[in-house]
Structure formats: C-alpha cells, structure tokens
N, C-alpha and C. Protein backbone atom coordinates (compact mmCIF):
# COMPACT_ATOMS: atom_id res chain seq x y z
N UNK A 1 -5.36 -3.37 39.66
CA UNK A 1 -4.79 -4.45 38.86
C UNK A 1 -5.66 -5.68 38.95
N UNK A 2 -5.42 -6.58 38.03
CA UNK A 2 -6.21 -7.82 38.02
C UNK A 2 -5.26 -9.01 38.01
N UNK A 3 -5.72 -10.10 38.55
CA UNK A 3 -4.90 -11.31 38.59
C UNK A 3 -5.13 -12.19 37.38
N UNK A 4 -6.00 -11.75 36.46
CA UNK A 4 -6.27 -12.55 35.26
C UNK A 4 -5.03 -12.61 34.38
N UNK A 5 -4.75 -13.77 33.81
CA UNK A 5 -3.57 -13.87 32.94
C UNK A 5 -3.73 -13.03 31.69
N UNK A 6 -2.62 -12.47 31.25
CA UNK A 6 -2.64 -11.69 30.02
C UNK A 6 -2.79 -12.61 28.81
N UNK A 7 -3.43 -12.05 27.78
CA UNK A 7 -3.54 -12.80 26.53
C UNK A 7 -2.14 -12.90 25.93
N UNK A 8 -1.79 -14.09 25.49
CA UNK A 8 -0.48 -14.26 24.87
C UNK A 8 -0.68 -14.57 23.40
N UNK A 9 0.21 -14.04 22.62
CA UNK A 9 0.17 -14.28 21.18
C UNK A 9 1.40 -15.05 20.78
N UNK A 10 1.19 -16.01 19.90
CA UNK A 10 2.32 -16.76 19.38
C UNK A 10 2.88 -16.01 18.18
N UNK A 11 4.18 -15.92 18.14
CA UNK A 11 4.82 -15.29 17.00
C UNK A 11 4.68 -16.19 15.78
N UNK A 12 4.53 -15.57 14.63
CA UNK A 12 4.46 -16.34 13.39
C UNK A 12 5.77 -17.10 13.22
N UNK A 13 5.68 -18.33 12.75
CA UNK A 13 6.91 -19.09 12.57
C UNK A 13 7.77 -18.47 11.47
N UNK A 14 9.06 -18.55 11.64
CA UNK A 14 9.97 -18.05 10.63
C UNK A 14 9.96 -18.98 9.42
N UNK A 15 10.14 -18.42 8.23
CA UNK A 15 10.19 -19.30 7.06
C UNK A 15 11.43 -20.20 7.13
N UNK A 16 11.30 -21.38 6.58
CA UNK A 16 12.43 -22.32 6.57
C UNK A 16 13.51 -21.80 5.63
N UNK A 17 14.76 -21.98 6.00
CA UNK A 17 15.84 -21.58 5.10
C UNK A 17 15.75 -22.35 3.79
N UNK A 18 16.17 -21.72 2.69
CA UNK A 18 16.18 -22.41 1.41
C UNK A 18 17.39 -21.98 0.60
N UNK A 19 17.77 -22.82 -0.31
CA UNK A 19 18.89 -22.48 -1.17
C UNK A 19 18.43 -21.49 -2.23
N UNK A 20 19.37 -20.86 -2.91
CA UNK A 20 19.01 -19.94 -3.98
C UNK A 20 18.24 -20.67 -5.07
N UNK A 21 18.63 -21.89 -5.38
CA UNK A 21 17.91 -22.68 -6.38
C UNK A 21 16.46 -22.91 -5.98
N UNK A 22 16.23 -23.25 -4.71
CA UNK A 22 14.86 -23.44 -4.22
C UNK A 22 14.07 -22.15 -4.29
N UNK A 23 14.70 -21.04 -3.93
CA UNK A 23 14.03 -19.74 -3.99
C UNK A 23 13.61 -19.43 -5.43
N UNK A 24 14.53 -19.63 -6.37
CA UNK A 24 14.22 -19.35 -7.78
C UNK A 24 13.13 -20.26 -8.32
N UNK A 25 13.14 -21.53 -7.91
CA UNK A 25 12.10 -22.47 -8.36
C UNK A 25 10.73 -22.12 -7.77
N UNK A 26 10.72 -21.76 -6.50
CA UNK A 26 9.46 -21.50 -5.81
C UNK A 26 8.85 -20.15 -6.19
N UNK A 27 9.69 -19.17 -6.51
CA UNK A 27 9.23 -17.81 -6.77
C UNK A 27 9.74 -17.35 -8.13
N UNK A 28 9.17 -17.89 -9.17
CA UNK A 28 9.67 -17.60 -10.52
C UNK A 28 8.98 -16.40 -11.16
N UNK A 29 7.92 -15.89 -10.55
CA UNK A 29 7.23 -14.74 -11.12
C UNK A 29 6.98 -13.69 -10.04
N UNK A 30 6.75 -12.46 -10.48
CA UNK A 30 6.42 -11.37 -9.56
C UNK A 30 4.93 -11.37 -9.27
N UNK A 31 4.54 -10.71 -8.19
CA UNK A 31 3.12 -10.52 -7.89
C UNK A 31 2.50 -9.63 -8.97
N UNK A 32 1.18 -9.68 -9.06
CA UNK A 32 0.43 -8.89 -10.04
C UNK A 32 0.67 -7.39 -9.81
N UNK A 33 0.93 -6.64 -10.87
CA UNK A 33 1.13 -5.20 -10.70
C UNK A 33 -0.17 -4.47 -10.34
N UNK A 34 -0.05 -3.48 -9.51
CA UNK A 34 -1.15 -2.56 -9.22
C UNK A 34 -0.89 -1.25 -9.96
N UNK A 35 0.32 -0.72 -9.79
CA UNK A 35 0.78 0.42 -10.59
C UNK A 35 1.99 -0.12 -11.35
N UNK A 36 1.78 -0.35 -12.62
CA UNK A 36 2.78 -1.06 -13.44
C UNK A 36 4.14 -0.36 -13.38
N UNK A 37 5.15 -1.14 -13.03
CA UNK A 37 6.51 -0.64 -12.92
C UNK A 37 6.86 -0.08 -11.56
N UNK A 38 5.86 0.01 -10.65
CA UNK A 38 6.12 0.62 -9.34
C UNK A 38 5.64 -0.20 -8.15
N UNK A 39 4.38 -0.64 -8.18
CA UNK A 39 3.78 -1.27 -7.00
C UNK A 39 3.08 -2.56 -7.42
N UNK A 40 3.35 -3.63 -6.65
CA UNK A 40 2.70 -4.91 -6.92
C UNK A 40 1.86 -5.35 -5.72
N UNK A 41 0.85 -6.15 -5.99
CA UNK A 41 -0.02 -6.68 -4.95
C UNK A 41 0.81 -7.42 -3.90
N UNK A 42 0.43 -7.31 -2.65
CA UNK A 42 1.05 -7.96 -1.50
C UNK A 42 2.43 -7.40 -1.16
N UNK A 43 2.78 -6.27 -1.73
CA UNK A 43 4.06 -5.65 -1.42
C UNK A 43 3.81 -4.27 -0.82
N UNK A 44 4.80 -3.72 -0.18
CA UNK A 44 4.68 -2.44 0.49
C UNK A 44 5.36 -1.36 -0.34
N UNK A 45 4.69 -0.23 -0.46
CA UNK A 45 5.28 0.94 -1.11
C UNK A 45 5.32 2.06 -0.08
N UNK A 46 6.41 2.76 -0.02
CA UNK A 46 6.56 3.89 0.91
C UNK A 46 6.77 5.16 0.12
N UNK A 47 6.10 6.21 0.53
CA UNK A 47 6.31 7.54 -0.04
C UNK A 47 6.91 8.38 1.07
N UNK A 48 8.18 8.73 0.91
CA UNK A 48 8.91 9.40 1.97
C UNK A 48 9.43 10.73 1.45
N UNK A 49 9.17 11.78 2.20
CA UNK A 49 9.65 13.11 1.83
C UNK A 49 9.53 14.01 3.05
N UNK A 50 10.02 15.20 2.90
CA UNK A 50 9.94 16.18 3.98
C UNK A 50 8.51 16.66 4.18
N UNK A 51 8.33 17.43 5.22
CA UNK A 51 7.03 17.99 5.55
C UNK A 51 6.56 18.96 4.45
N UNK A 52 5.27 18.93 4.18
CA UNK A 52 4.62 19.84 3.22
C UNK A 52 5.14 19.68 1.79
N UNK A 53 5.47 18.44 1.42
CA UNK A 53 5.98 18.18 0.07
C UNK A 53 4.93 17.49 -0.81
N UNK A 54 3.66 17.57 -0.43
CA UNK A 54 2.53 17.06 -1.23
C UNK A 54 2.39 15.54 -1.19
N UNK A 55 2.87 14.89 -0.14
CA UNK A 55 2.75 13.44 -0.04
C UNK A 55 1.29 13.01 0.00
N UNK A 56 0.48 13.67 0.80
CA UNK A 56 -0.92 13.29 0.92
C UNK A 56 -1.65 13.46 -0.41
N UNK A 57 -1.44 14.57 -1.09
CA UNK A 57 -2.07 14.78 -2.39
C UNK A 57 -1.62 13.70 -3.38
N UNK A 58 -0.34 13.34 -3.33
CA UNK A 58 0.19 12.32 -4.23
C UNK A 58 -0.47 10.98 -3.97
N UNK A 59 -0.58 10.60 -2.70
CA UNK A 59 -1.19 9.31 -2.36
C UNK A 59 -2.68 9.32 -2.69
N UNK A 60 -3.36 10.43 -2.46
CA UNK A 60 -4.78 10.49 -2.81
C UNK A 60 -4.96 10.37 -4.33
N UNK A 61 -4.10 11.00 -5.10
CA UNK A 61 -4.16 10.85 -6.55
C UNK A 61 -3.91 9.41 -6.97
N UNK A 62 -2.97 8.76 -6.30
CA UNK A 62 -2.70 7.35 -6.57
C UNK A 62 -3.92 6.50 -6.24
N UNK A 63 -4.56 6.77 -5.12
CA UNK A 63 -5.76 6.01 -4.71
C UNK A 63 -6.87 6.17 -5.75
N UNK A 64 -7.08 7.38 -6.24
CA UNK A 64 -8.10 7.62 -7.26
C UNK A 64 -7.76 6.86 -8.54
N UNK A 65 -6.49 6.87 -8.93
CA UNK A 65 -6.08 6.18 -10.14
C UNK A 65 -6.34 4.68 -10.04
N UNK A 66 -5.99 4.08 -8.92
CA UNK A 66 -6.22 2.64 -8.76
C UNK A 66 -7.71 2.34 -8.68
N UNK A 67 -8.47 3.17 -7.95
CA UNK A 67 -9.91 2.93 -7.81
C UNK A 67 -10.64 3.03 -9.16
N UNK A 68 -10.14 3.87 -10.05
CA UNK A 68 -10.80 4.07 -11.34
C UNK A 68 -10.13 3.30 -12.48
N UNK A 69 -8.91 2.79 -12.24
CA UNK A 69 -8.18 2.09 -13.28
C UNK A 69 -7.51 3.02 -14.28
N UNK A 70 -7.42 4.30 -13.96
CA UNK A 70 -6.76 5.27 -14.85
C UNK A 70 -5.26 5.32 -14.54
N UNK A 71 -4.47 5.69 -15.53
CA UNK A 71 -3.02 5.78 -15.35
C UNK A 71 -2.70 6.82 -14.28
N UNK A 72 -1.75 6.48 -13.41
CA UNK A 72 -1.33 7.41 -12.37
C UNK A 72 -0.35 8.40 -12.97
N UNK A 73 -0.57 9.67 -12.73
CA UNK A 73 0.24 10.76 -13.26
C UNK A 73 0.29 10.72 -14.79
N UNK A 74 -0.76 10.16 -15.40
CA UNK A 74 -0.85 10.00 -16.85
C UNK A 74 0.36 9.26 -17.42
N UNK A 75 1.03 8.47 -16.60
CA UNK A 75 2.26 7.79 -17.01
C UNK A 75 2.26 6.31 -16.69
N UNK A 76 1.81 5.94 -15.49
CA UNK A 76 1.90 4.57 -15.01
C UNK A 76 0.54 3.89 -15.06
N UNK A 77 0.35 2.90 -15.95
CA UNK A 77 -0.93 2.18 -16.00
C UNK A 77 -1.21 1.53 -14.65
N UNK A 78 -2.48 1.43 -14.31
CA UNK A 78 -2.88 0.80 -13.05
C UNK A 78 -3.82 -0.36 -13.32
N UNK A 79 -3.87 -1.27 -12.37
CA UNK A 79 -4.87 -2.33 -12.36
C UNK A 79 -5.97 -1.87 -11.43
N UNK A 80 -7.18 -1.74 -11.95
CA UNK A 80 -8.29 -1.23 -11.15
C UNK A 80 -8.55 -2.15 -9.96
N UNK A 81 -8.78 -1.55 -8.80
CA UNK A 81 -9.05 -2.34 -7.61
C UNK A 81 -9.59 -1.48 -6.49
N UNK A 82 -9.97 -2.16 -5.43
CA UNK A 82 -10.49 -1.47 -4.25
C UNK A 82 -9.34 -0.81 -3.51
N UNK A 83 -9.63 0.34 -2.90
CA UNK A 83 -8.60 1.12 -2.20
C UNK A 83 -9.12 1.47 -0.81
N UNK A 84 -8.27 1.36 0.17
CA UNK A 84 -8.57 1.79 1.53
C UNK A 84 -7.58 2.89 1.88
N UNK A 85 -8.08 4.06 2.21
CA UNK A 85 -7.22 5.17 2.63
C UNK A 85 -7.37 5.31 4.14
N UNK A 86 -6.26 5.24 4.84
CA UNK A 86 -6.24 5.44 6.29
C UNK A 86 -5.40 6.70 6.53
N UNK A 87 -6.02 7.71 7.10
CA UNK A 87 -5.33 8.97 7.35
C UNK A 87 -5.50 9.32 8.81
N UNK A 88 -4.41 9.35 9.53
CA UNK A 88 -4.46 9.64 10.96
C UNK A 88 -4.19 11.10 11.28
N UNK A 89 -4.14 11.95 10.25
CA UNK A 89 -3.83 13.35 10.48
C UNK A 89 -4.98 14.29 10.13
N UNK A 90 -5.66 14.02 9.04
CA UNK A 90 -6.68 14.95 8.54
C UNK A 90 -8.08 14.58 9.02
N UNK A 91 -8.92 15.58 9.15
CA UNK A 91 -10.33 15.37 9.49
C UNK A 91 -11.09 14.99 8.22
N UNK A 92 -12.20 14.30 8.39
CA UNK A 92 -12.99 13.82 7.25
C UNK A 92 -13.36 14.93 6.26
N UNK A 93 -13.80 16.13 6.71
CA UNK A 93 -14.12 17.18 5.74
C UNK A 93 -12.92 17.60 4.90
N UNK A 94 -11.74 17.62 5.52
CA UNK A 94 -10.53 17.97 4.78
C UNK A 94 -10.19 16.90 3.75
N UNK A 95 -10.29 15.64 4.14
CA UNK A 95 -10.02 14.55 3.21
C UNK A 95 -11.00 14.60 2.05
N UNK A 96 -12.28 14.79 2.34
CA UNK A 96 -13.28 14.87 1.28
C UNK A 96 -13.00 16.00 0.31
N UNK A 97 -12.64 17.18 0.83
CA UNK A 97 -12.33 18.32 -0.04
C UNK A 97 -11.12 18.01 -0.90
N UNK A 98 -10.10 17.42 -0.33
CA UNK A 98 -8.89 17.11 -1.11
C UNK A 98 -9.20 16.11 -2.22
N UNK A 99 -9.97 15.09 -1.91
CA UNK A 99 -10.32 14.12 -2.95
C UNK A 99 -11.12 14.80 -4.08
N UNK A 100 -12.04 15.68 -3.70
CA UNK A 100 -12.79 16.40 -4.74
C UNK A 100 -11.85 17.28 -5.59
N UNK A 101 -10.94 17.97 -4.94
CA UNK A 101 -10.00 18.84 -5.66
C UNK A 101 -9.10 18.02 -6.59
N UNK A 102 -8.62 16.91 -6.13
CA UNK A 102 -7.72 16.08 -6.93
C UNK A 102 -8.47 15.44 -8.10
N UNK A 103 -9.67 14.94 -7.81
CA UNK A 103 -10.46 14.26 -8.85
C UNK A 103 -10.86 15.26 -9.92
C-alpha cells in the first residue's frame, strides 16, 4: 500500500431547478437529428433485445448509414457524420468481416 492521497474527483454540479415556463423558454427546439425520427445529437439511443437477435448487425448497419449519409433500413434518413464503434465482445477480424458483409 501507499500513503499517497487518492485522486479525488468533484461531482458535476446539479442543474438549478426551473419552472416549466423556464424549461420551455430555454429549450424550445430539439437537438439536430442523426437518424430522423429516431436519434438526435447529444442524446442516447439503446438497442435492447435478447441474445442472438442481430443487435450487432443492426448497429453496424446503422453506423454505415450515418457514416455514408444513406437512409437506415431504406426508411429513416440520416445526417452524415463521423461514427465511433466500440465493441467489447468481437475481435477485429470478426468486426471487419461483419462490416464488409453488411456494406
């Protein structure tokens, strides 16, 4: 063990309470869409399903659609942008093969 003090982190301050009127005045528009009708910039989207239900293939297809600006599932227009895929389950060769197969 060491006697050095641990690094401490300050928690982010909580937002100040506001009335509904203040909320509506301050936030009158939605964030820019990434997948129109489904996902907007600065927001979180979750894809939840049982095991082996094609979640990874679905997300990889979504990533390709956003990276290229093509409609996702030929239905939802996308705003072209940079994409970061983080996969903690598959090895790089498997991810590469899946992206090639999907594309």
